[in-house]
Each structure stands twice: as C-alpha cells, then as structure tokens.
Amino acid sequence: MSEDILFNPGQAIASSYDYHNAYVVAQIYHQKNDHELLLVKDKSNNKMYYVFDTASLENHSQFGQKFQLIKRI
C-alpha cells in the first residue's frame, strides 16, 4: 500500500537519484539524531529520493509537493 505525503523539498536533509545513497545518508543522520526519518520518492519525476526529518517539519502550511513514502527510519 503506497502512502502519499506532502513536503517542501527545500526542507530535505538529503536528496539523491540513487535509493541506496539516500538510505545510507538517512542511516548516518539517524545515528546522530534519534528522530524519525522519512525516505520518500518524488512523484512528479519519479527519479529523485529525499530524506526528511519529521522533528524539523513543524510548519505544515509550507508543504506543497507530493511524495510517495518509501521507508520510515
């Protein structure tokens, strides 16, 4: 089951065209900060992966681009 979420890409911790690279960045960041992270895929071009820290995403009114949730870390 896919889950769509809305985020502002400017608030991403990392972005990559490669899933593995994005996942490694998420793991490293997660070891340093014990926050929930979301690894998402851009629905518009279906090529770019982003990592978002849910603790830093407080202002939901700024979210506007649709992403597909790939993994919660």
N, C-alpha and C. Protein backbone atom coordinates (compact mmCIF):
# COMPACT_ATOMS: atom_id res chain seq x y z
N MET A 1 0.84 -1.18 0.00
CA MET A 1 0.00 0.00 0.00
C MET A 1 0.89 1.25 0.00
N SER A 2 0.69 2.11 -0.95
CA SER A 2 1.51 3.32 -1.00
C SER A 2 0.84 4.43 -0.20
N GLU A 3 1.67 5.27 0.38
CA GLU A 3 1.19 6.39 1.17
C GLU A 3 1.79 7.65 0.57
N ASP A 4 0.95 8.63 0.27
CA ASP A 4 1.41 9.91 -0.27
C ASP A 4 1.48 10.92 0.86
N ILE A 5 2.52 11.75 0.83
CA ILE A 5 2.70 12.79 1.82
C ILE A 5 3.12 14.06 1.10
N LEU A 6 2.92 15.20 1.75
CA LEU A 6 3.28 16.50 1.16
C LEU A 6 4.42 17.12 1.95
N PHE A 7 5.46 17.55 1.26
CA PHE A 7 6.60 18.21 1.88
C PHE A 7 7.13 19.30 0.97
N ASN A 8 7.90 20.19 1.55
CA ASN A 8 8.64 21.19 0.81
C ASN A 8 10.04 20.62 0.57
N PRO A 9 10.46 20.37 -0.67
CA PRO A 9 11.78 19.77 -0.94
C PRO A 9 12.94 20.56 -0.34
N GLY A 10 12.77 21.84 -0.11
CA GLY A 10 13.83 22.65 0.49
C GLY A 10 14.14 22.27 1.92
N GLN A 11 13.27 21.54 2.57
CA GLN A 11 13.48 21.12 3.96
C GLN A 11 14.10 19.73 4.06
N ALA A 12 14.51 19.17 2.96
CA ALA A 12 15.09 17.82 2.96
C ALA A 12 16.48 17.82 3.57
N ILE A 13 16.81 16.75 4.27
CA ILE A 13 18.16 16.55 4.80
C ILE A 13 19.10 16.19 3.66
N ALA A 14 18.61 15.35 2.76
CA ALA A 14 19.42 14.89 1.63
C ALA A 14 18.51 14.56 0.46
N SER A 15 19.11 14.56 -0.72
CA SER A 15 18.40 14.14 -1.92
C SER A 15 19.39 13.43 -2.83
N SER A 16 18.88 12.45 -3.57
CA SER A 16 19.75 11.67 -4.44
C SER A 16 18.92 10.98 -5.50
N TYR A 17 19.52 10.72 -6.64
CA TYR A 17 18.87 9.93 -7.68
C TYR A 17 19.00 8.43 -7.40
N ASP A 18 19.84 8.08 -6.43
CA ASP A 18 20.08 6.68 -6.09
C ASP A 18 19.46 6.37 -4.73
N TYR A 19 18.62 5.35 -4.68
CA TYR A 19 17.95 4.96 -3.43
C TYR A 19 18.98 4.59 -2.37
N HIS A 20 19.98 3.82 -2.74
CA HIS A 20 20.97 3.35 -1.77
C HIS A 20 21.70 4.53 -1.12
N ASN A 21 22.11 5.50 -1.91
CA ASN A 21 22.79 6.68 -1.35
C ASN A 21 21.90 7.44 -0.37
N ALA A 22 20.66 7.63 -0.72
CA ALA A 22 19.73 8.32 0.17
C ALA A 22 19.52 7.53 1.46
N TYR A 23 19.44 6.22 1.35
CA TYR A 23 19.23 5.37 2.52
C TYR A 23 20.45 5.41 3.45
N VAL A 24 21.65 5.40 2.89
CA VAL A 24 22.86 5.48 3.70
C VAL A 24 22.92 6.81 4.45
N VAL A 25 22.61 7.91 3.79
CA VAL A 25 22.58 9.22 4.44
C VAL A 25 21.57 9.21 5.58
N ALA A 26 20.41 8.62 5.35
CA ALA A 26 19.38 8.55 6.39
C ALA A 26 19.86 7.75 7.60
N GLN A 27 20.55 6.66 7.37
CA GLN A 27 21.06 5.85 8.47
C GLN A 27 22.11 6.61 9.28
N ILE A 28 23.00 7.30 8.61
CA ILE A 28 24.03 8.08 9.31
C ILE A 28 23.39 9.19 10.12
N TYR A 29 22.46 9.92 9.53
CA TYR A 29 21.78 11.01 10.23
C TYR A 29 21.00 10.47 11.42
N HIS A 30 20.37 9.32 11.25
CA HIS A 30 19.56 8.72 12.32
C HIS A 30 20.43 8.30 13.50
N GLN A 31 21.66 7.87 13.26
CA GLN A 31 22.57 7.52 14.35
C GLN A 31 22.96 8.74 15.18
N LYS A 32 23.07 9.89 14.53
CA LYS A 32 23.45 11.12 15.23
C LYS A 32 22.26 11.76 15.94
N ASN A 33 21.09 11.68 15.37
CA ASN A 33 19.87 12.28 15.93
C ASN A 33 18.80 11.20 15.98
N ASP A 34 18.24 11.01 17.13
CA ASP A 34 17.25 9.94 17.29
C ASP A 34 15.85 10.44 16.92
N HIS A 35 15.71 10.94 15.71
CA HIS A 35 14.41 11.40 15.21
C HIS A 35 13.92 10.43 14.14
N GLU A 36 12.61 10.40 13.96
CA GLU A 36 12.07 9.59 12.88
C GLU A 36 12.38 10.27 11.55
N LEU A 37 12.84 9.49 10.59
CA LEU A 37 13.15 10.00 9.26
C LEU A 37 12.23 9.33 8.25
N LEU A 38 11.96 10.05 7.19
CA LEU A 38 11.15 9.51 6.10
C LEU A 38 11.96 9.54 4.82
N LEU A 39 12.05 8.40 4.18
CA LEU A 39 12.68 8.30 2.86
C LEU A 39 11.54 8.27 1.86
N VAL A 40 11.51 9.28 1.00
CA VAL A 40 10.39 9.43 0.07
C VAL A 40 10.89 9.53 -1.36
N LYS A 41 9.99 9.30 -2.30
CA LYS A 41 10.31 9.38 -3.72
C LYS A 41 9.44 10.46 -4.35
N ASP A 42 10.05 11.26 -5.19
CA ASP A 42 9.34 12.34 -5.88
C ASP A 42 8.33 11.75 -6.86
N LYS A 43 7.07 12.14 -6.71
CA LYS A 43 6.03 11.59 -7.59
C LYS A 43 5.98 12.29 -8.94
N SER A 44 6.53 13.50 -9.04
CA SER A 44 6.43 14.23 -10.30
C SER A 44 7.41 13.71 -11.35
N ASN A 45 8.67 13.44 -10.94
CA ASN A 45 9.61 12.93 -11.94
C ASN A 45 9.99 11.48 -11.68
N ASN A 46 9.60 10.93 -10.54
CA ASN A 46 9.76 9.51 -10.20
C ASN A 46 11.21 9.04 -10.24
N LYS A 47 12.16 9.96 -10.05
CA LYS A 47 13.58 9.60 -10.08
C LYS A 47 14.32 10.01 -8.81
N MET A 48 13.90 11.07 -8.16
CA MET A 48 14.63 11.65 -7.05
C MET A 48 14.11 11.12 -5.71
N TYR A 49 15.04 10.79 -4.81
CA TYR A 49 14.71 10.37 -3.45
C TYR A 49 15.11 11.48 -2.49
N TYR A 50 14.30 11.70 -1.45
CA TYR A 50 14.57 12.71 -0.44
C TYR A 50 14.49 12.07 0.94
N VAL A 51 15.25 12.64 1.89
CA VAL A 51 15.19 12.23 3.29
C VAL A 51 14.72 13.44 4.09
N PHE A 52 13.66 13.24 4.88
CA PHE A 52 13.11 14.30 5.72
C PHE A 52 13.16 13.88 7.18
N ASP A 53 13.51 14.82 8.05
CA ASP A 53 13.48 14.63 9.50
C ASP A 53 12.12 15.13 9.98
N THR A 54 11.31 14.25 10.54
CA THR A 54 9.96 14.63 10.95
C THR A 54 9.97 15.63 12.11
N ALA A 55 11.04 15.65 12.92
CA ALA A 55 11.12 16.58 14.04
C ALA A 55 11.27 18.02 13.58
N SER A 56 11.87 18.23 12.43
CA SER A 56 12.10 19.60 11.95
C SER A 56 10.97 20.09 11.05
N LEU A 57 9.99 19.27 10.81
CA LEU A 57 8.89 19.64 9.91
C LEU A 57 7.67 20.01 10.73
N GLU A 58 7.70 21.21 11.30
CA GLU A 58 6.62 21.62 12.18
C GLU A 58 5.56 22.45 11.47
N ASN A 59 5.95 23.24 10.50
CA ASN A 59 5.00 24.13 9.83
C ASN A 59 4.40 23.43 8.62
N HIS A 60 3.27 22.78 8.82
CA HIS A 60 2.64 22.00 7.76
C HIS A 60 2.05 22.86 6.64
N SER A 61 1.92 24.15 6.86
CA SER A 61 1.35 25.01 5.82
C SER A 61 2.34 25.22 4.66
N GLN A 62 3.63 24.94 4.87
CA GLN A 62 4.61 25.12 3.81
C GLN A 62 4.70 23.91 2.89
N PHE A 63 4.11 22.81 3.28
CA PHE A 63 4.21 21.59 2.48
C PHE A 63 3.38 21.74 1.22
N GLY A 64 3.94 21.32 0.11
CA GLY A 64 3.19 21.51 -1.10
C GLY A 64 3.44 20.50 -2.20
N GLN A 65 4.56 19.81 -2.18
CA GLN A 65 4.88 18.86 -3.24
C GLN A 65 4.54 17.45 -2.77
N LYS A 66 3.98 16.65 -3.67
CA LYS A 66 3.55 15.31 -3.32
C LYS A 66 4.68 14.31 -3.50
N PHE A 67 4.89 13.48 -2.46
CA PHE A 67 5.91 12.44 -2.46
C PHE A 67 5.28 11.12 -2.08
N GLN A 68 5.90 10.04 -2.52
CA GLN A 68 5.48 8.69 -2.14
C GLN A 68 6.40 8.22 -1.02
N LEU A 69 5.82 7.81 0.10
CA LEU A 69 6.61 7.31 1.22
C LEU A 69 7.20 5.95 0.85
N ILE A 70 8.51 5.83 0.97
CA ILE A 70 9.21 4.58 0.66
C ILE A 70 9.55 3.82 1.95
N LYS A 71 10.09 4.54 2.94
CA LYS A 71 10.53 3.88 4.17
C LYS A 71 10.56 4.86 5.34
N ARG A 72 10.16 4.39 6.51
CA ARG A 72 10.31 5.14 7.76
C ARG A 72 11.53 4.60 8.48
N ILE A 73 12.37 5.50 8.96
CA ILE A 73 13.61 5.08 9.62
C ILE A 73 13.63 5.65 11.03
